[in-house]
Amino acid sequence: MKWLVIPLFFLFSAPSMGVRDERQLLKCLGAEEKRFHLNKDLGPLYDLNQRLISEMLQIPKAEIHGNYFEEICGKGSFSPSWKLLELSISKGKEVFEIPEGITGNEKQMAVRMIDDFLEATREIFLNLMTQIQAASPSPSCLKEEIPELDSFFNDIKYLQEDVDISTIFAGREIKIFMRLKDYPQAFKRCQFRIKKKLKSASKPAAKKS
């Protein structure tokens, strides 16, 4: 899918633009986008939100099953964008539903678009991890916090040309996902270790007797 980013909070707050998309998921992602702007939080989660808005705008005939929608956009959700990506990777097509009124060619097109999105989620996930890694306080921070990343990245590097990418993931992405979710706190722990190491290194060596 082509990545076309449209600021969704403008779409839903500007009736003069003539936008009539009432899809609840887009409203939910648009509200999250607005929070990012208000908080001036333009980090990895903001970029993920923008990418998923772009993807969802290109599946106009599909919605999210009720139970999954509550997980994504209900109270207490860590991030609707994060949860949407996590569920799309772990649950696949069962996350989505096509309204009964959509039939024939329209339905076939919607199914193909959902398939395209699900295929793109692996790349979106890897891009998210890359951005979090780039924001970390040290190159080794994430691997210290998530030891599984080392073998995961090695497999991606050496096996992706010979093995289907889904085989490489093999369920590990969800375990990694759950630990990545805590990355702000992980960064704080890494910073603490760095400061502790620097403080220790700066102490004068004990005098020999």
C-alpha atoms as a PDB file:
ATOM      1  CA  MET A   1       0.000   0.000   0.000  1.00  0.00           C
ATOM      2  CA  LYS A   2       1.126   3.532  -0.668  1.00  0.00           C
ATOM      3  CA  TRP A   3       1.848   5.417   2.542  1.00  0.00           C
ATOM      4  CA  LEU A   4      -0.223   8.603   2.360  1.00  0.00           C
ATOM      5  CA  VAL A   5      -0.366  10.422   5.671  1.00  0.00           C
ATOM      6  CA  ILE A   6      -3.384  12.641   6.328  1.00  0.00           C
ATOM      7  CA  PRO A   7      -3.779  14.424   9.681  1.00  0.00           C
ATOM      8  CA  LEU A   8      -6.961  12.742  10.801  1.00  0.00           C
ATOM      9  CA  PHE A   9      -7.831  15.086  13.629  1.00  0.00           C
ATOM     10  CA  PHE A  10      -8.233  17.796  10.992  1.00  0.00           C
ATOM     11  CA  LEU A  11     -10.550  15.570   8.964  1.00  0.00           C
ATOM     12  CA  PHE A  12     -12.915  14.956  11.852  1.00  0.00           C
ATOM     13  CA  SER A  13     -12.828  18.502  13.198  1.00  0.00           C
ATOM     14  CA  ALA A  14     -13.328  20.374   9.908  1.00  0.00           C
ATOM     15  CA  PRO A  15     -16.803  19.796   8.410  1.00  0.00           C
ATOM     16  CA  SER A  16     -16.113  22.376   5.687  1.00  0.00           C
ATOM     17  CA  MET A  17     -13.765  19.850   4.098  1.00  0.00           C
ATOM     18  CA  GLY A  18     -16.737  17.623   3.332  1.00  0.00           C
ATOM     19  CA  VAL A  19     -15.267  14.501   4.899  1.00  0.00           C
ATOM     20  CA  ARG A  20     -18.003  12.111   5.970  1.00  0.00           C
ATOM     21  CA  ASP A  21     -16.039   9.046   7.052  1.00  0.00           C
ATOM     22  CA  GLU A  22     -17.677   7.910  10.272  1.00  0.00           C
ATOM     23  CA  ARG A  23     -15.566   4.782  10.845  1.00  0.00           C
ATOM     24  CA  GLN A  24     -14.970   4.358  14.535  1.00  0.00           C
ATOM     25  CA  LEU A  25     -11.415   3.053  14.199  1.00  0.00           C
ATOM     26  CA  LEU A  26     -10.338   6.117  12.247  1.00  0.00           C
ATOM     27  CA  LYS A  27     -11.937   8.348  14.866  1.00  0.00           C
ATOM     28  CA  CYS A  28     -10.017   6.476  17.539  1.00  0.00           C
ATOM     29  CA  LEU A  29      -6.679   6.764  15.715  1.00  0.00           C
ATOM     30  CA  GLY A  30      -7.431  10.412  14.955  1.00  0.00           C
ATOM     31  CA  ALA A  31      -8.021  11.134  18.642  1.00  0.00           C
ATOM     32  CA  GLU A  32      -4.684   9.509  19.465  1.00  0.00           C
ATOM     33  CA  GLU A  33      -2.995  11.586  16.760  1.00  0.00           C
ATOM     34  CA  LYS A  34      -4.462  14.733  18.314  1.00  0.00           C
ATOM     35  CA  ARG A  35      -3.071  13.766  21.733  1.00  0.00           C
ATOM     36  CA  PHE A  36       0.388  13.316  20.225  1.00  0.00           C
ATOM     37  CA  HIS A  37       0.219  16.798  18.707  1.00  0.00           C
ATOM     38  CA  LEU A  38      -1.058  18.416  21.903  1.00  0.00           C
ATOM     39  CA  ASN A  39       1.706  16.722  23.927  1.00  0.00           C
ATOM     40  CA  LYS A  40       4.303  17.448  21.241  1.00  0.00           C
ATOM     41  CA  ASP A  41       5.142  13.753  21.303  1.00  0.00           C
ATOM     42  CA  LEU A  42       6.477  13.011  17.827  1.00  0.00           C
ATOM     43  CA  GLY A  43       8.447   9.872  18.589  1.00  0.00           C
ATOM     44  CA  PRO A  44       8.070   6.240  17.430  1.00  0.00           C
ATOM     45  CA  LEU A  45       4.416   5.932  18.497  1.00  0.00           C
ATOM     46  CA  TYR A  46       3.459   9.065  16.569  1.00  0.00           C
ATOM     47  CA  ASP A  47       5.066   7.675  13.414  1.00  0.00           C
ATOM     48  CA  LEU A  48       3.292   4.348  13.965  1.00  0.00           C
ATOM     49  CA  ASN A  49      -0.022   6.180  14.359  1.00  0.00           C
ATOM     50  CA  GLN A  50       0.550   8.078  11.109  1.00  0.00           C
ATOM     51  CA  ARG A  51       1.400   4.900   9.213  1.00  0.00           C
ATOM     52  CA  LEU A  52      -1.652   3.036  10.488  1.00  0.00           C
ATOM     53  CA  ILE A  53      -3.982   5.937   9.713  1.00  0.00           C
ATOM     54  CA  SER A  54      -2.663   5.869   6.162  1.00  0.00           C
ATOM     55  CA  GLU A  55      -3.184   2.106   5.928  1.00  0.00           C
ATOM     56  CA  MET A  56      -6.698   2.164   7.399  1.00  0.00           C
ATOM     57  CA  LEU A  57      -7.815   4.957   5.073  1.00  0.00           C
ATOM     58  CA  GLN A  58      -7.100   2.586   2.212  1.00  0.00           C
ATOM     59  CA  ILE A  59      -9.451  -0.102   3.570  1.00  0.00           C
ATOM     60  CA  PRO A  60     -12.701   1.894   3.503  1.00  0.00           C
ATOM     61  CA  LYS A  61     -15.003  -1.138   3.494  1.00  0.00           C
ATOM     62  CA  ALA A  62     -13.583  -2.903   6.557  1.00  0.00           C
ATOM     63  CA  GLU A  63     -14.055  -2.451  10.291  1.00  0.00           C
ATOM     64  CA  ILE A  64     -12.721  -4.027  13.479  1.00  0.00           C
ATOM     65  CA  HIS A  65     -14.649  -6.794  15.257  1.00  0.00           C
ATOM     66  CA  GLY A  66     -16.340  -5.469  18.380  1.00  0.00           C
ATOM     67  CA  ASN A  67     -14.241  -7.289  20.990  1.00  0.00           C
ATOM     68  CA  TYR A  68     -11.000  -6.336  19.293  1.00  0.00           C
ATOM     69  CA  PHE A  69     -12.172  -2.750  18.919  1.00  0.00           C
ATOM     70  CA  GLU A  70     -12.638  -2.566  22.681  1.00  0.00           C
ATOM     71  CA  GLU A  71      -9.097  -3.874  23.198  1.00  0.00           C
ATOM     72  CA  ILE A  72      -7.720  -1.291  20.776  1.00  0.00           C
ATOM     73  CA  CYS A  73      -9.719   1.786  21.709  1.00  0.00           C
ATOM     74  CA  GLY A  74     -11.289   1.030  25.080  1.00  0.00           C
ATOM     75  CA  LYS A  75     -10.415   2.722  28.354  1.00  0.00           C
ATOM     76  CA  GLY A  76      -6.973   1.882  29.644  1.00  0.00           C
ATOM     77  CA  SER A  77      -5.536   1.144  26.212  1.00  0.00           C
ATOM     78  CA  PHE A  78      -1.802   1.871  26.215  1.00  0.00           C
ATOM     79  CA  SER A  79      -1.966   3.080  22.616  1.00  0.00           C
ATOM     80  CA  PRO A  80      -4.646   2.304  19.992  1.00  0.00           C
ATOM     81  CA  SER A  81      -1.988   2.234  17.266  1.00  0.00           C
ATOM     82  CA  TRP A  82       0.251  -0.109  19.237  1.00  0.00           C
ATOM     83  CA  LYS A  83      -2.640  -2.478  20.034  1.00  0.00           C
ATOM     84  CA  LEU A  84      -3.924  -2.443  16.447  1.00  0.00           C
ATOM     85  CA  LEU A  85      -0.523  -3.487  15.151  1.00  0.00           C
ATOM     86  CA  GLU A  86      -0.083  -6.122  17.859  1.00  0.00           C
ATOM     87  CA  LEU A  87      -3.494  -7.719  17.213  1.00  0.00           C
ATOM     88  CA  SER A  88      -3.088  -7.538  13.440  1.00  0.00           C
ATOM     89  CA  ILE A  89       0.168  -9.481  13.686  1.00  0.00           C
ATOM     90  CA  SER A  90      -1.033 -12.018  16.246  1.00  0.00           C
ATOM     91  CA  LYS A  91      -4.642 -12.540  15.116  1.00  0.00           C
ATOM     92  CA  GLY A  92      -4.577 -11.693  11.410  1.00  0.00           C
ATOM     93  CA  LYS A  93      -7.843 -11.568   9.473  1.00  0.00           C
ATOM     94  CA  GLU A  94     -10.050 -12.325  12.460  1.00  0.00           C
ATOM     95  CA  VAL A  95      -9.466  -8.778  13.725  1.00  0.00           C
ATOM     96  CA  PHE A  96     -11.356  -7.370  10.736  1.00  0.00           C
ATOM     97  CA  GLU A  97     -14.932  -7.619   9.549  1.00  0.00           C
ATOM     98  CA  ILE A  98     -16.643  -6.500   6.362  1.00  0.00           C
ATOM     99  CA  PRO A  99     -20.211  -5.190   6.758  1.00  0.00           C
ATOM    100  CA  GLU A 100     -22.942  -7.504   5.435  1.00  0.00           C
ATOM    101  CA  GLY A 101     -24.035  -4.896   2.922  1.00  0.00           C
ATOM    102  CA  ILE A 102     -20.668  -5.066   1.165  1.00  0.00           C
ATOM    103  CA  THR A 103     -20.809  -7.809  -1.473  1.00  0.00           C
ATOM    104  CA  GLY A 104     -19.406  -8.828  -4.844  1.00  0.00           C
ATOM    105  CA  ASN A 105     -16.420  -6.933  -6.220  1.00  0.00           C
ATOM    106  CA  GLU A 106     -16.433  -4.463  -3.337  1.00  0.00           C
ATOM    107  CA  LYS A 107     -16.090  -7.288  -0.839  1.00  0.00           C
ATOM    108  CA  GLN A 108     -13.325  -8.976  -2.830  1.00  0.00           C
ATOM    109  CA  MET A 109     -11.446  -5.686  -3.021  1.00  0.00           C
ATOM    110  CA  ALA A 110     -11.812  -5.152   0.735  1.00  0.00           C
ATOM    111  CA  VAL A 111     -10.464  -8.662   1.414  1.00  0.00           C
ATOM    112  CA  ARG A 112      -7.442  -7.982  -0.825  1.00  0.00           C
ATOM    113  CA  MET A 113      -6.783  -4.684   0.941  1.00  0.00           C
ATOM    114  CA  ILE A 114      -6.905  -6.385   4.333  1.00  0.00           C
ATOM    115  CA  ASP A 115      -4.445  -9.001   3.050  1.00  0.00           C
ATOM    116  CA  ASP A 116      -2.152  -6.229   1.789  1.00  0.00           C
ATOM    117  CA  PHE A 117      -2.246  -4.529   5.169  1.00  0.00           C
ATOM    118  CA  LEU A 118      -1.530  -7.748   7.066  1.00  0.00           C
ATOM    119  CA  GLU A 119       1.418  -8.396   4.769  1.00  0.00           C
ATOM    120  CA  ALA A 120       2.712  -4.886   5.528  1.00  0.00           C
ATOM    121  CA  THR A 121       2.460  -5.308   9.311  1.00  0.00           C
ATOM    122  CA  ARG A 122       5.755  -7.217   9.486  1.00  0.00           C
ATOM    123  CA  GLU A 123       7.607  -4.328   7.833  1.00  0.00           C
ATOM    124  CA  ILE A 124       5.733  -1.811  10.010  1.00  0.00           C
ATOM    125  CA  PHE A 125       6.759  -3.763  13.103  1.00  0.00           C
ATOM    126  CA  LEU A 126      10.422  -3.868  12.080  1.00  0.00           C
ATOM    127  CA  ASN A 127      10.340  -0.144  11.351  1.00  0.00           C
ATOM    128  CA  LEU A 128       8.865   0.522  14.804  1.00  0.00           C
ATOM    129  CA  MET A 129      11.645  -1.477  16.454  1.00  0.00           C
ATOM    130  CA  THR A 130      14.259   0.380  14.407  1.00  0.00           C
ATOM    131  CA  GLN A 131      12.872   3.732  15.524  1.00  0.00           C
ATOM    132  CA  ILE A 132      12.788   2.699  19.172  1.00  0.00           C
ATOM    133  CA  GLN A 133      16.363   1.443  18.869  1.00  0.00           C
ATOM    134  CA  ALA A 134      17.424   4.775  17.332  1.00  0.00           C
ATOM    135  CA  ALA A 135      15.908   6.639  20.292  1.00  0.00           C
ATOM    136  CA  SER A 136      17.531   4.446  22.948  1.00  0.00           C
ATOM    137  CA  PRO A 137      20.254   5.918  25.207  1.00  0.00           C
ATOM    138  CA  SER A 138      22.846   3.363  24.059  1.00  0.00           C
ATOM    139  CA  PRO A 139      23.271   0.893  21.163  1.00  0.00           C
ATOM    140  CA  SER A 140      23.081  -2.056  23.557  1.00  0.00           C
ATOM    141  CA  CYS A 141      20.140  -0.819  25.647  1.00  0.00           C
ATOM    142  CA  LEU A 142      17.333  -2.781  23.990  1.00  0.00           C
ATOM    143  CA  LYS A 143      19.366  -5.984  23.799  1.00  0.00           C
ATOM    144  CA  GLU A 144      20.132  -5.664  27.499  1.00  0.00           C
ATOM    145  CA  GLU A 145      16.440  -5.266  28.240  1.00  0.00           C
ATOM    146  CA  ILE A 146      15.171  -7.774  25.649  1.00  0.00           C
ATOM    147  CA  PRO A 147      17.758 -10.556  25.179  1.00  0.00           C
ATOM    148  CA  GLU A 148      15.573 -12.230  22.526  1.00  0.00           C
ATOM    149  CA  LEU A 149      16.288  -9.362  20.133  1.00  0.00           C
ATOM    150  CA  ASP A 150      19.807 -10.571  19.395  1.00  0.00           C
ATOM    151  CA  SER A 151      18.804 -13.918  17.883  1.00  0.00           C
ATOM    152  CA  PHE A 152      15.739 -12.328  16.276  1.00  0.00           C
ATOM    153  CA  PHE A 153      17.797  -9.749  14.387  1.00  0.00           C
ATOM    154  CA  ASN A 154      20.369 -12.369  13.403  1.00  0.00           C
ATOM    155  CA  ASP A 155      17.617 -14.512  11.899  1.00  0.00           C
ATOM    156  CA  ILE A 156      16.191 -11.532  10.051  1.00  0.00           C
ATOM    157  CA  LYS A 157      19.627 -10.668   8.683  1.00  0.00           C
ATOM    158  CA  TYR A 158      20.746 -14.118   7.572  1.00  0.00           C
ATOM    159  CA  LEU A 159      17.557 -16.085   6.901  1.00  0.00           C
ATOM    160  CA  GLN A 160      15.063 -13.704   5.318  1.00  0.00           C
ATOM    161  CA  GLU A 161      16.261 -14.441   1.767  1.00  0.00           C
ATOM    162  CA  ASP A 162      15.835 -18.208   2.209  1.00  0.00           C
ATOM    163  CA  VAL A 163      12.951 -18.495   4.694  1.00  0.00           C
ATOM    164  CA  ASP A 164       9.493 -16.962   4.717  1.00  0.00           C
ATOM    165  CA  ILE A 165       9.420 -13.973   7.052  1.00  0.00           C
ATOM    166  CA  SER A 166       6.476 -15.413   9.019  1.00  0.00           C
ATOM    167  CA  THR A 167       8.613 -18.465   9.837  1.00  0.00           C
ATOM    168  CA  ILE A 168      11.331 -16.190  11.222  1.00  0.00           C
ATOM    169  CA  PHE A 169       8.841 -14.403  13.437  1.00  0.00           C
ATOM    170  CA  ALA A 170       7.263 -17.693  14.561  1.00  0.00           C
ATOM    171  CA  GLY A 171       5.403 -16.047  17.434  1.00  0.00           C
ATOM    172  CA  ARG A 172       8.461 -14.293  18.824  1.00  0.00           C
ATOM    173  CA  GLU A 173       7.239 -10.887  17.679  1.00  0.00           C
ATOM    174  CA  ILE A 174       4.458 -10.854  20.276  1.00  0.00           C
ATOM    175  CA  LYS A 175       6.822 -11.657  23.140  1.00  0.00           C
ATOM    176  CA  ILE A 176       9.136  -8.911  21.918  1.00  0.00           C
ATOM    177  CA  PHE A 177       6.136  -6.613  21.424  1.00  0.00           C
ATOM    178  CA  MET A 178       5.061  -6.989  25.030  1.00  0.00           C
ATOM    179  CA  ARG A 179       8.530  -6.099  26.295  1.00  0.00           C
ATOM    180  CA  LEU A 180       8.977  -3.228  23.835  1.00  0.00           C
ATOM    181  CA  LYS A 181       5.772  -1.722  25.195  1.00  0.00           C
ATOM    182  CA  ASP A 182       7.729  -0.720  28.285  1.00  0.00           C
ATOM    183  CA  TYR A 183      10.490   0.994  26.291  1.00  0.00           C
ATOM    184  CA  PRO A 184      10.284   4.406  28.072  1.00  0.00           C
ATOM    185  CA  GLN A 185      10.943   2.677  31.399  1.00  0.00           C
ATOM    186  CA  ALA A 186      13.592   0.495  29.755  1.00  0.00           C
ATOM    187  CA  PHE A 187      15.351   3.648  28.585  1.00  0.00           C
ATOM    188  CA  LYS A 188      15.326   5.003  32.143  1.00  0.00           C
ATOM    189  CA  ARG A 189      16.889   1.792  33.438  1.00  0.00           C
ATOM    190  CA  CYS A 190      19.552   1.993  30.732  1.00  0.00           C
ATOM    191  CA  GLN A 191      20.299   5.624  31.601  1.00  0.00           C
ATOM    192  CA  PHE A 192      20.651   4.658  35.260  1.00  0.00           C
ATOM    193  CA  ARG A 193      23.143   1.916  34.373  1.00  0.00           C
ATOM    194  CA  ILE A 194      25.102   4.308  32.140  1.00  0.00           C
ATOM    195  CA  LYS A 195      25.303   6.956  34.881  1.00  0.00           C
ATOM    196  CA  LYS A 196      26.306   4.351  37.432  1.00  0.00           C
ATOM    197  CA  LYS A 197      29.057   3.067  35.142  1.00  0.00           C
ATOM    198  CA  LEU A 198      30.346   6.579  34.418  1.00  0.00           C
ATOM    199  CA  LYS A 199      30.303   7.455  38.126  1.00  0.00           C
ATOM    200  CA  SER A 200      32.231   4.301  38.945  1.00  0.00           C
ATOM    201  CA  ALA A 201      34.794   4.978  36.209  1.00  0.00           C
ATOM    202  CA  SER A 202      35.316   8.557  37.428  1.00  0.00           C
ATOM    203  CA  LYS A 203      36.260   7.518  40.966  1.00  0.00           C
ATOM    204  CA  PRO A 204      40.007   7.747  41.639  1.00  0.00           C
ATOM    205  CA  ALA A 205      41.737   4.413  41.828  1.00  0.00           C
ATOM    206  CA  ALA A 206      42.393   3.243  45.380  1.00  0.00           C
ATOM    207  CA  LYS A 207      45.946   3.926  46.510  1.00  0.00           C
ATOM    208  CA  LYS A 208      48.158   0.895  46.895  1.00  0.00           C
ATOM    209  CA  SER A 209      49.418   0.355  50.438  1.00  0.00           C
END
